[in-house]
Amino acid sequence: MSPDSLFPLPEGAKIHPVAAATISVNPFTADRMMLDFVKLEKGDWVLQNGANSAVGQNVIQIARIRGFKTVNVIRDRYALPRQA
């Protein structure tokens, strides 16, 4: 990765390093998911599982901007049985 592909955060930005590392990937992933699989029109519904992920949050935001309605399923990963 070249230094030219990096961008600085504003001084005093309060963002977790993991969130900062994904800021240039997750919104585009969410956008492509809504464009590549089915043609969505304003007023259409988007149903997603795992809506509490970063990509899921981006889906909600982008869908709202485009006039889509969303149904968002979230899971508590810690409530699932753990495997040894």
N, C-alpha and C. Protein backbone atom coordinates (compact mmCIF):
# COMPACT_ATOMS: atom_id res chain seq x y z
N MET A 1 0.86 -1.17 0.00
CA MET A 1 0.00 0.00 0.00
C MET A 1 0.90 1.23 0.00
N SER A 2 0.60 2.14 -0.89
CA SER A 2 1.42 3.34 -0.97
C SER A 2 0.85 4.42 -0.05
N PRO A 3 1.70 5.32 0.43
CA PRO A 3 1.22 6.42 1.27
C PRO A 3 0.17 7.28 0.57
N ASP A 4 0.19 7.31 -0.76
CA ASP A 4 -0.79 8.10 -1.51
C ASP A 4 -2.21 7.57 -1.35
N SER A 5 -2.34 6.28 -0.96
CA SER A 5 -3.68 5.70 -0.82
C SER A 5 -4.26 5.92 0.59
N LEU A 6 -3.50 6.55 1.46
CA LEU A 6 -3.94 6.80 2.82
C LEU A 6 -4.51 8.21 2.94
N PHE A 7 -5.37 8.40 3.91
CA PHE A 7 -5.88 9.75 4.16
C PHE A 7 -5.90 9.99 5.66
N PRO A 8 -5.53 11.19 6.07
CA PRO A 8 -5.47 11.48 7.51
C PRO A 8 -6.86 11.76 8.07
N LEU A 9 -7.03 11.42 9.33
CA LEU A 9 -8.26 11.78 10.04
C LEU A 9 -8.08 13.16 10.64
N PRO A 10 -9.16 13.89 10.80
CA PRO A 10 -9.05 15.22 11.41
C PRO A 10 -8.46 15.12 12.82
N GLU A 11 -7.75 16.14 13.20
CA GLU A 11 -7.16 16.22 14.55
C GLU A 11 -8.25 16.02 15.59
N GLY A 12 -8.01 15.15 16.54
CA GLY A 12 -8.97 14.92 17.62
C GLY A 12 -10.14 14.03 17.24
N ALA A 13 -10.09 13.41 16.05
CA ALA A 13 -11.19 12.53 15.63
C ALA A 13 -11.34 11.39 16.62
N LYS A 14 -12.56 11.13 17.02
CA LYS A 14 -12.82 10.05 17.97
C LYS A 14 -13.41 8.88 17.21
N ILE A 15 -12.53 8.06 16.68
CA ILE A 15 -12.95 6.89 15.92
C ILE A 15 -12.02 5.74 16.29
N HIS A 16 -12.60 4.59 16.49
CA HIS A 16 -11.83 3.40 16.83
C HIS A 16 -10.97 3.02 15.62
N PRO A 17 -9.74 2.60 15.83
CA PRO A 17 -8.86 2.26 14.71
C PRO A 17 -9.45 1.22 13.76
N VAL A 18 -10.19 0.25 14.29
CA VAL A 18 -10.81 -0.76 13.41
C VAL A 18 -11.86 -0.11 12.52
N ALA A 19 -12.65 0.79 13.07
CA ALA A 19 -13.65 1.50 12.28
C ALA A 19 -12.96 2.36 11.22
N ALA A 20 -11.89 3.01 11.59
CA ALA A 20 -11.16 3.85 10.64
C ALA A 20 -10.59 3.00 9.50
N ALA A 21 -10.14 1.80 9.82
CA ALA A 21 -9.55 0.93 8.80
C ALA A 21 -10.58 0.44 7.78
N THR A 22 -11.84 0.41 8.16
CA THR A 22 -12.87 -0.11 7.25
C THR A 22 -13.70 0.98 6.60
N ILE A 23 -13.41 2.22 6.90
CA ILE A 23 -14.25 3.32 6.41
C ILE A 23 -14.24 3.44 4.89
N SER A 24 -13.19 2.97 4.24
CA SER A 24 -13.14 3.07 2.78
C SER A 24 -13.62 1.79 2.10
N VAL A 25 -14.02 0.77 2.87
CA VAL A 25 -14.45 -0.50 2.29
C VAL A 25 -15.93 -0.75 2.52
N ASN A 26 -16.39 -0.64 3.76
CA ASN A 26 -17.75 -1.04 4.09
C ASN A 26 -18.85 -0.28 3.34
N PRO A 27 -18.77 1.03 3.20
CA PRO A 27 -19.84 1.71 2.45
C PRO A 27 -19.95 1.23 1.00
N PHE A 28 -18.82 0.96 0.38
CA PHE A 28 -18.84 0.49 -1.01
C PHE A 28 -19.39 -0.94 -1.10
N THR A 29 -19.08 -1.76 -0.10
CA THR A 29 -19.63 -3.12 -0.06
C THR A 29 -21.15 -3.05 0.05
N ALA A 30 -21.65 -2.23 0.94
CA ALA A 30 -23.10 -2.08 1.11
C ALA A 30 -23.74 -1.57 -0.18
N ASP A 31 -23.11 -0.59 -0.79
CA ASP A 31 -23.64 -0.01 -2.03
C ASP A 31 -23.70 -1.06 -3.13
N ARG A 32 -22.64 -1.83 -3.31
CA ARG A 32 -22.61 -2.85 -4.37
C ARG A 32 -23.65 -3.93 -4.11
N MET A 33 -23.86 -4.30 -2.86
CA MET A 33 -24.87 -5.33 -2.56
C MET A 33 -26.26 -4.87 -3.01
N MET A 34 -26.54 -3.59 -2.86
CA MET A 34 -27.86 -3.10 -3.25
C MET A 34 -27.97 -2.82 -4.74
N LEU A 35 -26.87 -2.79 -5.45
CA LEU A 35 -26.89 -2.53 -6.89
C LEU A 35 -26.73 -3.78 -7.75
N ASP A 36 -26.03 -4.79 -7.25
CA ASP A 36 -25.61 -5.91 -8.09
C ASP A 36 -26.56 -7.09 -8.18
N PHE A 37 -27.48 -7.24 -7.26
CA PHE A 37 -28.26 -8.48 -7.21
C PHE A 37 -29.67 -8.35 -7.77
N VAL A 38 -30.29 -7.23 -7.54
CA VAL A 38 -31.66 -7.01 -8.03
C VAL A 38 -31.85 -5.51 -8.21
N LYS A 39 -32.63 -5.13 -9.20
CA LYS A 39 -32.88 -3.71 -9.44
C LYS A 39 -33.88 -3.21 -8.40
N LEU A 40 -33.44 -2.31 -7.56
CA LEU A 40 -34.30 -1.74 -6.53
C LEU A 40 -34.82 -0.38 -6.98
N GLU A 41 -36.07 -0.13 -6.67
CA GLU A 41 -36.71 1.14 -6.98
C GLU A 41 -37.07 1.83 -5.67
N LYS A 42 -37.21 3.14 -5.74
CA LYS A 42 -37.64 3.91 -4.57
C LYS A 42 -38.91 3.28 -3.99
N GLY A 43 -38.92 3.07 -2.67
CA GLY A 43 -40.06 2.45 -2.00
C GLY A 43 -39.93 0.95 -1.81
N ASP A 44 -38.95 0.31 -2.49
CA ASP A 44 -38.74 -1.13 -2.32
C ASP A 44 -38.20 -1.42 -0.93
N TRP A 45 -38.36 -2.67 -0.52
CA TRP A 45 -37.89 -3.13 0.78
C TRP A 45 -36.58 -3.89 0.63
N VAL A 46 -35.68 -3.68 1.57
CA VAL A 46 -34.42 -4.42 1.66
C VAL A 46 -34.46 -5.15 3.01
N LEU A 47 -34.30 -6.45 2.97
CA LEU A 47 -34.26 -7.27 4.19
C LEU A 47 -32.83 -7.74 4.36
N GLN A 48 -32.28 -7.50 5.54
CA GLN A 48 -30.91 -7.94 5.78
C GLN A 48 -30.78 -8.60 7.14
N ASN A 49 -29.91 -9.58 7.18
CA ASN A 49 -29.54 -10.27 8.41
C ASN A 49 -28.15 -9.77 8.79
N GLY A 50 -27.88 -9.65 10.06
CA GLY A 50 -26.58 -9.14 10.49
C GLY A 50 -26.51 -7.63 10.37
N ALA A 51 -27.63 -6.96 10.59
CA ALA A 51 -27.71 -5.52 10.39
C ALA A 51 -26.91 -4.72 11.40
N ASN A 52 -26.42 -5.37 12.44
CA ASN A 52 -25.63 -4.64 13.43
C ASN A 52 -24.15 -4.58 13.05
N SER A 53 -23.79 -5.16 11.92
CA SER A 53 -22.40 -5.06 11.45
C SER A 53 -22.17 -3.68 10.83
N ALA A 54 -20.94 -3.37 10.57
CA ALA A 54 -20.62 -2.08 9.95
C ALA A 54 -21.24 -1.98 8.55
N VAL A 55 -21.16 -3.05 7.78
CA VAL A 55 -21.78 -3.05 6.45
C VAL A 55 -23.29 -2.91 6.58
N GLY A 56 -23.87 -3.61 7.55
CA GLY A 56 -25.31 -3.52 7.78
C GLY A 56 -25.76 -2.11 8.10
N GLN A 57 -24.99 -1.42 8.91
CA GLN A 57 -25.32 -0.03 9.24
C GLN A 57 -25.23 0.85 8.00
N ASN A 58 -24.25 0.57 7.14
CA ASN A 58 -24.13 1.33 5.89
C ASN A 58 -25.31 1.04 4.96
N VAL A 59 -25.77 -0.21 4.92
CA VAL A 59 -26.95 -0.55 4.12
C VAL A 59 -28.14 0.29 4.55
N ILE A 60 -28.36 0.39 5.86
CA ILE A 60 -29.49 1.18 6.38
C ILE A 60 -29.37 2.63 5.94
N GLN A 61 -28.20 3.21 6.07
CA GLN A 61 -28.00 4.61 5.72
C GLN A 61 -28.16 4.87 4.22
N ILE A 62 -27.55 4.03 3.41
CA ILE A 62 -27.63 4.22 1.96
C ILE A 62 -29.06 3.97 1.48
N ALA A 63 -29.71 2.95 2.03
CA ALA A 63 -31.09 2.66 1.65
C ALA A 63 -32.00 3.85 1.95
N ARG A 64 -31.82 4.46 3.09
CA ARG A 64 -32.64 5.62 3.44
C ARG A 64 -32.44 6.76 2.44
N ILE A 65 -31.19 7.01 2.07
CA ILE A 65 -30.89 8.06 1.10
C ILE A 65 -31.56 7.78 -0.24
N ARG A 66 -31.60 6.51 -0.64
CA ARG A 66 -32.17 6.14 -1.93
C ARG A 66 -33.68 5.92 -1.89
N GLY A 67 -34.25 6.04 -0.70
CA GLY A 67 -35.70 5.89 -0.60
C GLY A 67 -36.17 4.46 -0.46
N PHE A 68 -35.28 3.55 -0.07
CA PHE A 68 -35.66 2.16 0.17
C PHE A 68 -36.07 2.02 1.64
N LYS A 69 -36.93 1.07 1.90
CA LYS A 69 -37.31 0.75 3.27
C LYS A 69 -36.50 -0.48 3.68
N THR A 70 -36.20 -0.59 4.98
CA THR A 70 -35.40 -1.73 5.42
C THR A 70 -36.06 -2.47 6.57
N VAL A 71 -35.83 -3.77 6.58
CA VAL A 71 -36.12 -4.64 7.72
C VAL A 71 -34.76 -5.20 8.10
N ASN A 72 -34.38 -5.00 9.35
CA ASN A 72 -33.02 -5.30 9.78
C ASN A 72 -33.03 -6.27 10.94
N VAL A 73 -32.42 -7.43 10.73
CA VAL A 73 -32.34 -8.46 11.76
C VAL A 73 -30.95 -8.37 12.39
N ILE A 74 -30.93 -8.34 13.70
CA ILE A 74 -29.65 -8.34 14.41
C ILE A 74 -29.58 -9.57 15.30
N ARG A 75 -28.37 -9.97 15.58
CA ARG A 75 -28.15 -11.14 16.44
C ARG A 75 -27.16 -10.78 17.51
N ASP A 76 -27.37 -11.34 18.66
CA ASP A 76 -26.40 -11.21 19.74
C ASP A 76 -25.50 -12.43 19.65
N ARG A 77 -24.30 -12.24 19.14
CA ARG A 77 -23.40 -13.37 18.94
C ARG A 77 -23.10 -14.12 20.23
N TYR A 78 -23.13 -13.41 21.34
CA TYR A 78 -22.79 -14.04 22.60
C TYR A 78 -23.94 -14.88 23.15
N ALA A 79 -25.12 -14.74 22.59
CA ALA A 79 -26.25 -15.53 23.02
C ALA A 79 -26.27 -16.89 22.32
N LEU A 80 -25.47 -17.04 21.28
CA LEU A 80 -25.42 -18.30 20.55
C LEU A 80 -24.55 -19.29 21.32
N PRO A 81 -24.89 -20.57 21.22
CA PRO A 81 -24.04 -21.57 21.89
C PRO A 81 -22.63 -21.53 21.32
N ARG A 82 -21.66 -21.61 22.18
CA ARG A 82 -20.26 -21.59 21.75
C ARG A 82 -19.78 -23.01 21.50
N GLN A 83 -18.99 -23.14 20.45
CA GLN A 83 -18.41 -24.44 20.15
C GLN A 83 -17.01 -24.51 20.74
N ALA A 84 -16.64 -25.69 21.18
CA ALA A 84 -15.31 -25.87 21.77
C ALA A 84 -14.26 -26.00 20.72
